[in-house]
Amino acid sequence: MDFPGFDARTDAEALRKAMKGLGTDEEAVLKILTSRSNAQRQQIASAFKTLFGRDLVDDLKSELTGKFETLMVALMRPARLFDAHELKHALKGAGTNEKVLTEILASRTTAELRNIKQVYLEEYESNLEDHITGDTTGYYQRMLVVLVQANRDPDGRIDEGLVEQDAQVLFKAGELKWGTDEEKFITILGTRSICHLRKVFDRYMTISGFQIEETIDRETSGDLEKLLLAIVKCVRSVPAYFAESLFYAMKGAGTDDDTLIRIMVSRSEIDLLDIRREFRKNFAKSLHHMIQKDTSGDFRKALLLLCGGDDE
């Protein structure tokens, strides 16, 4: 959402003034950065470098702290690099952040996945798939690899015969068999078109009397279960999936700030309005209200501005 009457130089000057000298005017920083589009923020960074010979992101890192700093720096990351950067970070060093891998790879479109692979290769001179296979194991790894292939069928004419066949295969692989036939789930969930899968899930319910989520829940566990459920939820509705992820990031004791930041930043120019709508519908409160209740300080102010209106 481009800011009308945008002037990169004016914004760059205002940001420099806000961070120069003793004490930082955090409010000025957050107001500018949350109300500009990602493309405009890149122009501000470029103007900042031209005018002051300084790197805006470096200045933000040295002047801000904590979650607020993390959020502002995330907003400054060029949109096309965002997912690749998050994945690289999730795969880096000791311990893999499966939550990030699951969320990004289950929810992105085929075109987005192809772009992520390309950017990953350019930025890190390595293959995303190689990093995934090096860092994950078992059926979880197999499912991720299928998603990364980005070979999902495009939405088109529905073949009712194949819908029936896939639903039966999933039923036999899940409900009817001791030990789930994970391979079948992986192939069908990873390669069929979105509109085909929606029909398959409906048919599955008719055949088995269960939602496919219930079967996955019963028959699988751990990271594989989380990934399969994320794929099913994203097939049903990507905004509903993110609404639920945001809800659970804030529900209960302690907030999962990383997830909150990642989703709010990465979806802010894609489907945040839809996410807000789903949030209101499914959790009987607004996203705005929950952020208000669950966060504080400049971090809260910035998130609320990113969120936009209150849907109470």
C-alpha atoms as a PDB file:
ATOM      1  CA  MET A   1       0.000   0.000   0.000  1.00  0.00           C
ATOM      2  CA  ASP A   2       1.957   2.983  -1.258  1.00  0.00           C
ATOM      3  CA  PHE A   3       1.810   6.084   0.899  1.00  0.00           C
ATOM      4  CA  PRO A   4       0.345   9.025  -1.070  1.00  0.00           C
ATOM      5  CA  GLY A   5       2.498  12.121  -1.474  1.00  0.00           C
ATOM      6  CA  PHE A   6       5.560  10.029  -0.689  1.00  0.00           C
ATOM      7  CA  ASP A   7       8.948  11.741  -0.711  1.00  0.00           C
ATOM      8  CA  ALA A   8      11.929   9.498   0.068  1.00  0.00           C
ATOM      9  CA  ARG A   9      14.245  12.425   0.888  1.00  0.00           C
ATOM     10  CA  THR A  10      11.813  13.977   3.366  1.00  0.00           C
ATOM     11  CA  ASP A  11      11.361  10.615   5.100  1.00  0.00           C
ATOM     12  CA  ALA A  12      15.109   9.975   5.138  1.00  0.00           C
ATOM     13  CA  GLU A  13      15.729  13.382   6.703  1.00  0.00           C
ATOM     14  CA  ALA A  14      13.015  12.820   9.309  1.00  0.00           C
ATOM     15  CA  LEU A  15      14.496   9.422  10.222  1.00  0.00           C
ATOM     16  CA  ARG A  16      18.009  10.840  10.525  1.00  0.00           C
ATOM     17  CA  LYS A  17      16.710  13.606  12.771  1.00  0.00           C
ATOM     18  CA  ALA A  18      14.830  11.046  14.891  1.00  0.00           C
ATOM     19  CA  MET A  19      17.992   9.011  15.463  1.00  0.00           C
ATOM     20  CA  LYS A  20      20.674  11.696  15.616  1.00  0.00           C
ATOM     21  CA  GLY A  21      22.178  12.922  18.844  1.00  0.00           C
ATOM     22  CA  LEU A  22      21.117  11.822  22.296  1.00  0.00           C
ATOM     23  CA  GLY A  23      18.041   9.650  22.576  1.00  0.00           C
ATOM     24  CA  THR A  24      15.979   8.355  19.713  1.00  0.00           C
ATOM     25  CA  ASP A  25      12.478   9.480  18.774  1.00  0.00           C
ATOM     26  CA  GLU A  26      11.083   5.945  18.389  1.00  0.00           C
ATOM     27  CA  GLU A  27       7.597   7.204  17.684  1.00  0.00           C
ATOM     28  CA  ALA A  28       8.773   9.148  14.627  1.00  0.00           C
ATOM     29  CA  VAL A  29      10.653   6.112  13.335  1.00  0.00           C
ATOM     30  CA  LEU A  30       7.742   3.713  13.713  1.00  0.00           C
ATOM     31  CA  LYS A  31       5.206   6.131  12.248  1.00  0.00           C
ATOM     32  CA  ILE A  32       7.206   6.541   9.058  1.00  0.00           C
ATOM     33  CA  LEU A  33       8.221   2.913   8.568  1.00  0.00           C
ATOM     34  CA  THR A  34       4.828   1.330   9.292  1.00  0.00           C
ATOM     35  CA  SER A  35       2.945   3.670   6.968  1.00  0.00           C
ATOM     36  CA  ARG A  36       5.118   3.185   3.880  1.00  0.00           C
ATOM     37  CA  SER A  37       5.044   0.233   1.486  1.00  0.00           C
ATOM     38  CA  ASN A  38       8.050  -2.081   1.315  1.00  0.00           C
ATOM     39  CA  ALA A  39       9.022  -0.589  -2.068  1.00  0.00           C
ATOM     40  CA  GLN A  40       8.905   2.906  -0.552  1.00  0.00           C
ATOM     41  CA  ARG A  41      11.008   1.800   2.422  1.00  0.00           C
ATOM     42  CA  GLN A  42      13.703   0.645  -0.032  1.00  0.00           C
ATOM     43  CA  GLN A  43      13.657   4.104  -1.633  1.00  0.00           C
ATOM     44  CA  ILE A  44      14.014   5.712   1.797  1.00  0.00           C
ATOM     45  CA  ALA A  45      17.062   3.525   2.539  1.00  0.00           C
ATOM     46  CA  SER A  46      18.609   4.569  -0.752  1.00  0.00           C
ATOM     47  CA  ALA A  47      17.928   8.276  -0.116  1.00  0.00           C
ATOM     48  CA  PHE A  48      19.339   7.887   3.421  1.00  0.00           C
ATOM     49  CA  LYS A  49      22.600   6.487   2.018  1.00  0.00           C
ATOM     50  CA  THR A  50      22.808   9.273  -0.611  1.00  0.00           C
ATOM     51  CA  LEU A  51      22.087  12.112   1.825  1.00  0.00           C
ATOM     52  CA  PHE A  52      24.060  10.972   4.862  1.00  0.00           C
ATOM     53  CA  GLY A  53      26.424   8.272   3.615  1.00  0.00           C
ATOM     54  CA  ARG A  54      24.969   5.973   6.260  1.00  0.00           C
ATOM     55  CA  ASP A  55      23.184   2.646   6.186  1.00  0.00           C
ATOM     56  CA  LEU A  56      19.633   3.058   7.505  1.00  0.00           C
ATOM     57  CA  VAL A  57      19.375  -0.549   8.725  1.00  0.00           C
ATOM     58  CA  ASP A  58      22.685  -0.233  10.610  1.00  0.00           C
ATOM     59  CA  ASP A  59      21.444   2.952  12.243  1.00  0.00           C
ATOM     60  CA  LEU A  60      18.161   1.304  13.235  1.00  0.00           C
ATOM     61  CA  LYS A  61      20.095  -1.606  14.741  1.00  0.00           C
ATOM     62  CA  SER A  62      22.333   0.669  16.770  1.00  0.00           C
ATOM     63  CA  GLU A  63      19.572   3.033  17.929  1.00  0.00           C
ATOM     64  CA  LEU A  64      16.727   0.613  18.707  1.00  0.00           C
ATOM     65  CA  THR A  65      16.535  -2.446  20.944  1.00  0.00           C
ATOM     66  CA  GLY A  66      14.644  -5.656  21.532  1.00  0.00           C
ATOM     67  CA  LYS A  67      11.507  -6.752  19.704  1.00  0.00           C
ATOM     68  CA  PHE A  68      10.909  -3.256  18.409  1.00  0.00           C
ATOM     69  CA  GLU A  69      14.305  -3.286  16.699  1.00  0.00           C
ATOM     70  CA  THR A  70      13.594  -6.748  15.234  1.00  0.00           C
ATOM     71  CA  LEU A  71      10.287  -5.516  13.819  1.00  0.00           C
ATOM     72  CA  MET A  72      11.727  -2.342  12.254  1.00  0.00           C
ATOM     73  CA  VAL A  73      14.634  -4.248  10.686  1.00  0.00           C
ATOM     74  CA  ALA A  74      12.209  -6.870   9.334  1.00  0.00           C
ATOM     75  CA  LEU A  75      10.106  -4.093   7.747  1.00  0.00           C
ATOM     76  CA  MET A  76      13.227  -2.820   5.980  1.00  0.00           C
ATOM     77  CA  ARG A  77      14.045  -6.170   4.376  1.00  0.00           C
ATOM     78  CA  PRO A  78      13.212  -6.104   0.643  1.00  0.00           C
ATOM     79  CA  ALA A  79      10.001  -8.095   0.125  1.00  0.00           C
ATOM     80  CA  ARG A  80      11.509 -10.443  -2.434  1.00  0.00           C
ATOM     81  CA  LEU A  81      14.273 -11.452   0.010  1.00  0.00           C
ATOM     82  CA  PHE A  82      12.089 -11.851   3.081  1.00  0.00           C
ATOM     83  CA  ASP A  83      11.091 -15.520   2.818  1.00  0.00           C
ATOM     84  CA  ALA A  84      14.497 -16.717   1.655  1.00  0.00           C
ATOM     85  CA  HIS A  85      16.134 -14.883   4.548  1.00  0.00           C
ATOM     86  CA  GLU A  86      13.724 -16.379   7.088  1.00  0.00           C
ATOM     87  CA  LEU A  87      14.306 -19.887   5.715  1.00  0.00           C
ATOM     88  CA  LYS A  88      18.079 -19.456   5.735  1.00  0.00           C
ATOM     89  CA  HIS A  89      17.890 -18.266   9.307  1.00  0.00           C
ATOM     90  CA  ALA A  90      15.700 -21.254  10.241  1.00  0.00           C
ATOM     91  CA  LEU A  91      18.226 -23.663   8.726  1.00  0.00           C
ATOM     92  CA  LYS A  92      21.351 -21.990  10.058  1.00  0.00           C
ATOM     93  CA  GLY A  93      23.657 -23.423  12.697  1.00  0.00           C
ATOM     94  CA  ALA A  94      22.659 -25.723  15.510  1.00  0.00           C
ATOM     95  CA  GLY A  95      19.003 -26.654  15.683  1.00  0.00           C
ATOM     96  CA  THR A  96      16.515 -26.125  12.919  1.00  0.00           C
ATOM     97  CA  ASN A  97      13.465 -23.919  13.365  1.00  0.00           C
ATOM     98  CA  GLU A  98      10.828 -26.288  11.974  1.00  0.00           C
ATOM     99  CA  LYS A  99       8.032 -23.861  12.745  1.00  0.00           C
ATOM    100  CA  VAL A 100       9.380 -21.359  10.205  1.00  0.00           C
ATOM    101  CA  LEU A 101       9.998 -24.005   7.529  1.00  0.00           C
ATOM    102  CA  THR A 102       6.473 -25.350   7.982  1.00  0.00           C
ATOM    103  CA  GLU A 103       4.770 -21.958   7.954  1.00  0.00           C
ATOM    104  CA  ILE A 104       6.500 -20.580   4.877  1.00  0.00           C
ATOM    105  CA  LEU A 105       6.643 -23.691   2.706  1.00  0.00           C
ATOM    106  CA  ALA A 106       3.057 -24.760   3.441  1.00  0.00           C
ATOM    107  CA  SER A 107       1.513 -21.351   2.742  1.00  0.00           C
ATOM    108  CA  ARG A 108       3.285 -19.943  -0.312  1.00  0.00           C
ATOM    109  CA  THR A 109       1.974 -20.234  -3.857  1.00  0.00           C
ATOM    110  CA  THR A 110       3.850 -22.167  -6.545  1.00  0.00           C
ATOM    111  CA  ALA A 111       5.089 -18.902  -8.072  1.00  0.00           C
ATOM    112  CA  GLU A 112       6.239 -17.646  -4.666  1.00  0.00           C
ATOM    113  CA  LEU A 113       8.060 -20.922  -3.972  1.00  0.00           C
ATOM    114  CA  ARG A 114       9.896 -20.731  -7.294  1.00  0.00           C
ATOM    115  CA  ASN A 115      10.926 -17.169  -6.493  1.00  0.00           C
ATOM    116  CA  ILE A 116      12.129 -18.202  -3.017  1.00  0.00           C
ATOM    117  CA  LYS A 117      14.355 -20.929  -4.513  1.00  0.00           C
ATOM    118  CA  GLN A 118      15.802 -18.496  -7.041  1.00  0.00           C
ATOM    119  CA  VAL A 119      16.517 -15.807  -4.437  1.00  0.00           C
ATOM    120  CA  TYR A 120      17.961 -18.383  -2.033  1.00  0.00           C
ATOM    121  CA  LEU A 121      20.390 -19.518  -4.712  1.00  0.00           C
ATOM    122  CA  GLU A 122      21.403 -15.953  -5.600  1.00  0.00           C
ATOM    123  CA  GLU A 123      21.766 -14.737  -2.021  1.00  0.00           C
ATOM    124  CA  TYR A 124      23.325 -17.767  -0.354  1.00  0.00           C
ATOM    125  CA  GLU A 125      24.928 -19.525  -3.326  1.00  0.00           C
ATOM    126  CA  SER A 126      23.346 -22.738  -2.225  1.00  0.00           C
ATOM    127  CA  ASN A 127      20.356 -24.824  -2.967  1.00  0.00           C
ATOM    128  CA  LEU A 128      17.387 -24.527  -0.605  1.00  0.00           C
ATOM    129  CA  GLU A 129      16.526 -28.186  -1.124  1.00  0.00           C
ATOM    130  CA  ASP A 130      20.062 -29.268  -0.167  1.00  0.00           C
ATOM    131  CA  HIS A 131      19.894 -27.240   3.031  1.00  0.00           C
ATOM    132  CA  ILE A 132      16.514 -28.754   3.879  1.00  0.00           C
ATOM    133  CA  THR A 133      17.661 -32.329   3.277  1.00  0.00           C
ATOM    134  CA  GLY A 134      20.809 -31.644   5.290  1.00  0.00           C
ATOM    135  CA  ASP A 135      18.823 -30.345   8.239  1.00  0.00           C
ATOM    136  CA  THR A 136      15.640 -32.426   8.444  1.00  0.00           C
ATOM    137  CA  THR A 137      14.795 -36.124   8.380  1.00  0.00           C
ATOM    138  CA  GLY A 138      12.140 -38.699   7.647  1.00  0.00           C
ATOM    139  CA  TYR A 139       8.714 -38.046   6.203  1.00  0.00           C
ATOM    140  CA  TYR A 140       8.828 -34.441   7.382  1.00  0.00           C
ATOM    141  CA  GLN A 141      11.841 -33.908   5.123  1.00  0.00           C
ATOM    142  CA  ARG A 142      10.124 -35.745   2.246  1.00  0.00           C
ATOM    143  CA  MET A 143       7.039 -33.520   2.487  1.00  0.00           C
ATOM    144  CA  LEU A 144       9.157 -30.332   2.564  1.00  0.00           C
ATOM    145  CA  VAL A 145      11.130 -31.484  -0.469  1.00  0.00           C
ATOM    146  CA  VAL A 146       7.921 -32.136  -2.415  1.00  0.00           C
ATOM    147  CA  LEU A 147       6.688 -28.625  -1.544  1.00  0.00           C
ATOM    148  CA  VAL A 148       9.996 -27.057  -2.559  1.00  0.00           C
ATOM    149  CA  GLN A 149       9.745 -28.710  -5.984  1.00  0.00           C
ATOM    150  CA  ALA A 150       6.896 -26.219  -6.548  1.00  0.00           C
ATOM    151  CA  ASN A 151       5.237 -28.579  -9.003  1.00  0.00           C
ATOM    152  CA  ARG A 152       1.699 -28.347  -7.687  1.00  0.00           C
ATOM    153  CA  ASP A 153      -0.878 -28.692 -10.465  1.00  0.00           C
ATOM    154  CA  PRO A 154      -2.366 -25.338 -11.452  1.00  0.00           C
ATOM    155  CA  ASP A 155      -6.050 -24.823 -10.655  1.00  0.00           C
ATOM    156  CA  GLY A 156      -8.136 -25.882 -13.623  1.00  0.00           C
ATOM    157  CA  ARG A 157     -10.907 -28.223 -14.606  1.00  0.00           C
ATOM    158  CA  ILE A 158     -11.782 -30.667 -11.818  1.00  0.00           C
ATOM    159  CA  ASP A 159     -11.560 -34.350 -12.649  1.00  0.00           C
ATOM    160  CA  GLU A 160     -14.270 -35.878 -10.425  1.00  0.00           C
ATOM    161  CA  GLY A 161     -12.881 -39.367 -11.013  1.00  0.00           C
ATOM    162  CA  LEU A 162      -9.490 -38.353  -9.665  1.00  0.00           C
ATOM    163  CA  VAL A 163     -11.143 -36.578  -6.716  1.00  0.00           C
ATOM    164  CA  GLU A 164     -12.887 -39.840  -5.797  1.00  0.00           C
ATOM    165  CA  GLN A 165      -9.703 -41.833  -6.306  1.00  0.00           C
ATOM    166  CA  ASP A 166      -7.546 -39.510  -4.158  1.00  0.00           C
ATOM    167  CA  ALA A 167     -10.143 -39.443  -1.382  1.00  0.00           C
ATOM    168  CA  GLN A 168     -10.260 -43.255  -1.355  1.00  0.00           C
ATOM    169  CA  VAL A 169      -6.462 -43.516  -1.382  1.00  0.00           C
ATOM    170  CA  LEU A 170      -6.193 -41.125   1.595  1.00  0.00           C
ATOM    171  CA  PHE A 171      -8.938 -43.020   3.403  1.00  0.00           C
ATOM    172  CA  LYS A 172      -7.209 -46.365   2.901  1.00  0.00           C
ATOM    173  CA  ALA A 173      -3.826 -44.874   3.784  1.00  0.00           C
ATOM    174  CA  GLY A 174      -5.124 -43.225   6.953  1.00  0.00           C
ATOM    175  CA  GLU A 175      -8.210 -44.670   8.552  1.00  0.00           C
ATOM    176  CA  LEU A 176      -8.180 -48.221   7.262  1.00  0.00           C
ATOM    177  CA  LYS A 177      -4.590 -49.171   7.738  1.00  0.00           C
ATOM    178  CA  TRP A 178      -2.493 -49.788  10.806  1.00  0.00           C
ATOM    179  CA  GLY A 179       0.483 -47.497  10.300  1.00  0.00           C
ATOM    180  CA  THR A 180      -0.374 -44.683   7.977  1.00  0.00           C
ATOM    181  CA  ASP A 181       0.864 -44.780   4.420  1.00  0.00           C
ATOM    182  CA  GLU A 182       2.597 -41.410   4.630  1.00  0.00           C
ATOM    183  CA  GLU A 183       3.850 -41.534   1.048  1.00  0.00           C
ATOM    184  CA  LYS A 184       0.311 -41.298  -0.305  1.00  0.00           C
ATOM    185  CA  PHE A 185      -0.490 -38.297   1.879  1.00  0.00           C
ATOM    186  CA  ILE A 186       2.737 -36.598   0.818  1.00  0.00           C
ATOM    187  CA  THR A 187       2.180 -37.078  -2.904  1.00  0.00           C
ATOM    188  CA  ILE A 188      -1.452 -36.003  -2.921  1.00  0.00           C
ATOM    189  CA  LEU A 189      -1.074 -33.041  -0.536  1.00  0.00           C
ATOM    190  CA  GLY A 190       2.106 -31.864  -2.256  1.00  0.00           C
ATOM    191  CA  THR A 191       1.206 -32.068  -5.929  1.00  0.00           C
ATOM    192  CA  ARG A 192      -2.548 -31.720  -6.509  1.00  0.00           C
ATOM    193  CA  SER A 193      -4.110 -28.351  -7.272  1.00  0.00           C
ATOM    194  CA  ILE A 194      -5.721 -26.330  -4.494  1.00  0.00           C
ATOM    195  CA  CYS A 195      -9.257 -26.514  -5.920  1.00  0.00           C
ATOM    196  CA  HIS A 196      -8.865 -30.281  -6.494  1.00  0.00           C
ATOM    197  CA  LEU A 197      -7.737 -30.800  -2.883  1.00  0.00           C
ATOM    198  CA  ARG A 198     -10.721 -28.876  -1.500  1.00  0.00           C
ATOM    199  CA  LYS A 199     -13.002 -31.313  -3.322  1.00  0.00           C
ATOM    200  CA  VAL A 200     -10.924 -34.257  -2.081  1.00  0.00           C
ATOM    201  CA  PHE A 201     -11.313 -33.074   1.524  1.00  0.00           C
ATOM    202  CA  ASP A 202     -15.082 -32.802   1.107  1.00  0.00           C
ATOM    203  CA  ARG A 203     -15.242 -36.264  -0.417  1.00  0.00           C
ATOM    204  CA  TYR A 204     -12.971 -37.635   2.321  1.00  0.00           C
ATOM    205  CA  MET A 205     -15.407 -36.362   4.942  1.00  0.00           C
ATOM    206  CA  THR A 206     -18.303 -38.114   3.153  1.00  0.00           C
ATOM    207  CA  ILE A 207     -16.439 -41.418   2.874  1.00  0.00           C
ATOM    208  CA  SER A 208     -14.872 -41.532   6.329  1.00  0.00           C
ATOM    209  CA  GLY A 209     -17.116 -39.405   8.511  1.00  0.00           C
ATOM    210  CA  PHE A 210     -14.014 -37.506   9.607  1.00  0.00           C
ATOM    211  CA  GLN A 211     -12.404 -34.259   8.596  1.00  0.00           C
ATOM    212  CA  ILE A 212      -8.994 -34.969   7.089  1.00  0.00           C
ATOM    213  CA  GLU A 213      -7.468 -32.892   9.922  1.00  0.00           C
ATOM    214  CA  GLU A 214      -8.815 -35.381  12.480  1.00  0.00           C
ATOM    215  CA  THR A 215      -7.187 -38.285  10.675  1.00  0.00           C
ATOM    216  CA  ILE A 216      -3.842 -36.477  10.398  1.00  0.00           C
ATOM    217  CA  ASP A 217      -4.085 -35.613  14.071  1.00  0.00           C
ATOM    218  CA  ARG A 218      -4.671 -39.242  15.057  1.00  0.00           C
ATOM    219  CA  GLU A 219      -2.319 -40.948  12.637  1.00  0.00           C
ATOM    220  CA  THR A 220       0.769 -38.743  12.641  1.00  0.00           C
ATOM    221  CA  SER A 221       2.738 -36.772  15.198  1.00  0.00           C
ATOM    222  CA  GLY A 222       5.465 -34.197  15.683  1.00  0.00           C
ATOM    223  CA  ASP A 223       6.769 -32.034  12.854  1.00  0.00           C
ATOM    224  CA  LEU A 224       5.148 -34.146  10.146  1.00  0.00           C
ATOM    225  CA  GLU A 225       1.724 -33.713  11.729  1.00  0.00           C
ATOM    226  CA  LYS A 226       2.193 -29.947  12.046  1.00  0.00           C
ATOM    227  CA  LEU A 227       3.284 -29.703   8.413  1.00  0.00           C
ATOM    228  CA  LEU A 228       0.434 -31.816   7.010  1.00  0.00           C
ATOM    229  CA  LEU A 229      -2.090 -29.825   9.062  1.00  0.00           C
ATOM    230  CA  ALA A 230      -0.571 -26.536   7.868  1.00  0.00           C
ATOM    231  CA  ILE A 231      -0.900 -27.666   4.237  1.00  0.00           C
ATOM    232  CA  VAL A 232      -4.531 -28.725   4.725  1.00  0.00           C
ATOM    233  CA  LYS A 233      -5.371 -25.440   6.469  1.00  0.00           C
ATOM    234  CA  CYS A 234      -3.681 -23.410   3.721  1.00  0.00           C
ATOM    235  CA  VAL A 235      -5.584 -25.368   1.055  1.00  0.00           C
ATOM    236  CA  ARG A 236      -8.810 -24.470   2.841  1.00  0.00           C
ATOM    237  CA  SER A 237      -7.828 -20.815   3.426  1.00  0.00           C
ATOM    238  CA  VAL A 238      -4.420 -19.171   3.697  1.00  0.00           C
ATOM    239  CA  PRO A 239      -5.779 -16.128   5.618  1.00  0.00           C
ATOM    240  CA  ALA A 240      -7.557 -18.430   8.102  1.00  0.00           C
ATOM    241  CA  TYR A 241      -4.291 -20.337   8.599  1.00  0.00           C
ATOM    242  CA  PHE A 242      -2.421 -17.118   9.390  1.00  0.00           C
ATOM    243  CA  ALA A 243      -5.216 -15.853  11.633  1.00  0.00           C
ATOM    244  CA  GLU A 244      -4.942 -19.050  13.662  1.00  0.00           C
ATOM    245  CA  SER A 245      -1.127 -18.827  13.768  1.00  0.00           C
ATOM    246  CA  LEU A 246      -1.357 -15.252  15.050  1.00  0.00           C
ATOM    247  CA  PHE A 247      -3.960 -16.227  17.628  1.00  0.00           C
ATOM    248  CA  TYR A 248      -1.780 -19.011  19.041  1.00  0.00           C
ATOM    249  CA  ALA A 249       1.308 -16.796  18.943  1.00  0.00           C
ATOM    250  CA  MET A 250      -0.433 -14.523  21.456  1.00  0.00           C
ATOM    251  CA  LYS A 251      -2.672 -16.889  23.400  1.00  0.00           C
ATOM    252  CA  GLY A 252      -1.685 -18.051  26.866  1.00  0.00           C
ATOM    253  CA  ALA A 253       1.491 -17.248  28.749  1.00  0.00           C
ATOM    254  CA  GLY A 254       4.232 -15.499  26.826  1.00  0.00           C
ATOM    255  CA  THR A 255       4.005 -14.258  23.277  1.00  0.00           C
ATOM    256  CA  ASP A 256       5.801 -15.837  20.326  1.00  0.00           C
ATOM    257  CA  ASP A 257       7.143 -12.503  19.087  1.00  0.00           C
ATOM    258  CA  ASP A 258       9.087 -13.991  16.190  1.00  0.00           C
ATOM    259  CA  THR A 259       5.953 -15.512  14.668  1.00  0.00           C
ATOM    260  CA  LEU A 260       3.990 -12.333  15.314  1.00  0.00           C
ATOM    261  CA  ILE A 261       6.629 -10.213  13.557  1.00  0.00           C
ATOM    262  CA  ARG A 262       7.125 -12.653  10.683  1.00  0.00           C
ATOM    263  CA  ILE A 263       3.439 -12.930   9.816  1.00  0.00           C
ATOM    264  CA  MET A 264       2.568  -9.247  10.292  1.00  0.00           C
ATOM    265  CA  VAL A 265       5.498  -8.149   8.124  1.00  0.00           C
ATOM    266  CA  SER A 266       5.298 -10.797   5.410  1.00  0.00           C
ATOM    267  CA  ARG A 267       1.520 -10.545   4.942  1.00  0.00           C
ATOM    268  CA  SER A 268       1.106  -6.792   5.490  1.00  0.00           C
ATOM    269  CA  GLU A 269       0.862  -6.070   1.761  1.00  0.00           C
ATOM    270  CA  ILE A 270      -0.645  -9.387   0.702  1.00  0.00           C
ATOM    271  CA  ASP A 271      -3.698 -10.469   2.680  1.00  0.00           C
ATOM    272  CA  LEU A 272      -3.687  -8.796   6.083  1.00  0.00           C
ATOM    273  CA  LEU A 273      -7.238  -7.504   5.641  1.00  0.00           C
ATOM    274  CA  ASP A 274      -8.426 -11.049   4.922  1.00  0.00           C
ATOM    275  CA  ILE A 275      -6.462 -12.319   7.909  1.00  0.00           C
ATOM    276  CA  ARG A 276      -8.134  -9.698  10.099  1.00  0.00           C
ATOM    277  CA  ARG A 277     -11.550 -10.774   8.814  1.00  0.00           C
ATOM    278  CA  GLU A 278     -10.847 -14.456   9.510  1.00  0.00           C
ATOM    279  CA  PHE A 279      -9.462 -13.590  12.934  1.00  0.00           C
ATOM    280  CA  ARG A 280     -12.635 -11.738  13.888  1.00  0.00           C
ATOM    281  CA  LYS A 281     -14.822 -14.539  12.549  1.00  0.00           C
ATOM    282  CA  ASN A 282     -12.970 -17.438  14.151  1.00  0.00           C
ATOM    283  CA  PHE A 283     -11.883 -16.012  17.494  1.00  0.00           C
ATOM    284  CA  ALA A 284     -14.706 -13.571  18.298  1.00  0.00           C
ATOM    285  CA  LYS A 285     -12.270 -10.711  18.867  1.00  0.00           C
ATOM    286  CA  SER A 286     -10.261  -8.488  16.598  1.00  0.00           C
ATOM    287  CA  LEU A 287      -6.579  -8.944  15.800  1.00  0.00           C
ATOM    288  CA  HIS A 288      -6.115  -5.300  16.810  1.00  0.00           C
ATOM    289  CA  HIS A 289      -7.634  -6.004  20.238  1.00  0.00           C
ATOM    290  CA  MET A 290      -5.429  -9.026  20.833  1.00  0.00           C
ATOM    291  CA  ILE A 291      -2.229  -7.200  19.842  1.00  0.00           C
ATOM    292  CA  GLN A 292      -3.284  -4.321  22.104  1.00  0.00           C
ATOM    293  CA  LYS A 293      -3.745  -6.710  25.016  1.00  0.00           C
ATOM    294  CA  ASP A 294      -0.704  -8.859  24.435  1.00  0.00           C
ATOM    295  CA  THR A 295       2.141  -6.484  23.581  1.00  0.00           C
ATOM    296  CA  SER A 296       3.474  -3.211  24.926  1.00  0.00           C
ATOM    297  CA  GLY A 297       5.483  -0.070  24.247  1.00  0.00           C
ATOM    298  CA  ASP A 298       6.760   0.942  20.833  1.00  0.00           C
ATOM    299  CA  PHE A 299       6.524  -2.659  19.669  1.00  0.00           C
ATOM    300  CA  ARG A 300       2.772  -2.537  20.291  1.00  0.00           C
ATOM    301  CA  LYS A 301       2.363   0.888  18.659  1.00  0.00           C
ATOM    302  CA  ALA A 302       4.135  -0.301  15.521  1.00  0.00           C
ATOM    303  CA  LEU A 303       2.187  -3.576  15.302  1.00  0.00           C
ATOM    304  CA  LEU A 304      -1.137  -1.755  15.733  1.00  0.00           C
ATOM    305  CA  LEU A 305      -0.273   0.660  12.927  1.00  0.00           C
ATOM    306  CA  LEU A 306       0.695  -2.270  10.704  1.00  0.00           C
ATOM    307  CA  CYS A 307      -2.523  -4.034  11.628  1.00  0.00           C
ATOM    308  CA  GLY A 308      -4.635  -1.027  10.698  1.00  0.00           C
ATOM    309  CA  GLY A 309      -8.259  -0.816  11.826  1.00  0.00           C
ATOM    310  CA  ASP A 310      -9.942  -2.468  14.751  1.00  0.00           C
ATOM    311  CA  ASP A 311     -12.677  -4.884  13.647  1.00  0.00           C
ATOM    312  CA  GLU A 312     -14.486  -5.075  16.979  1.00  0.00           C
END
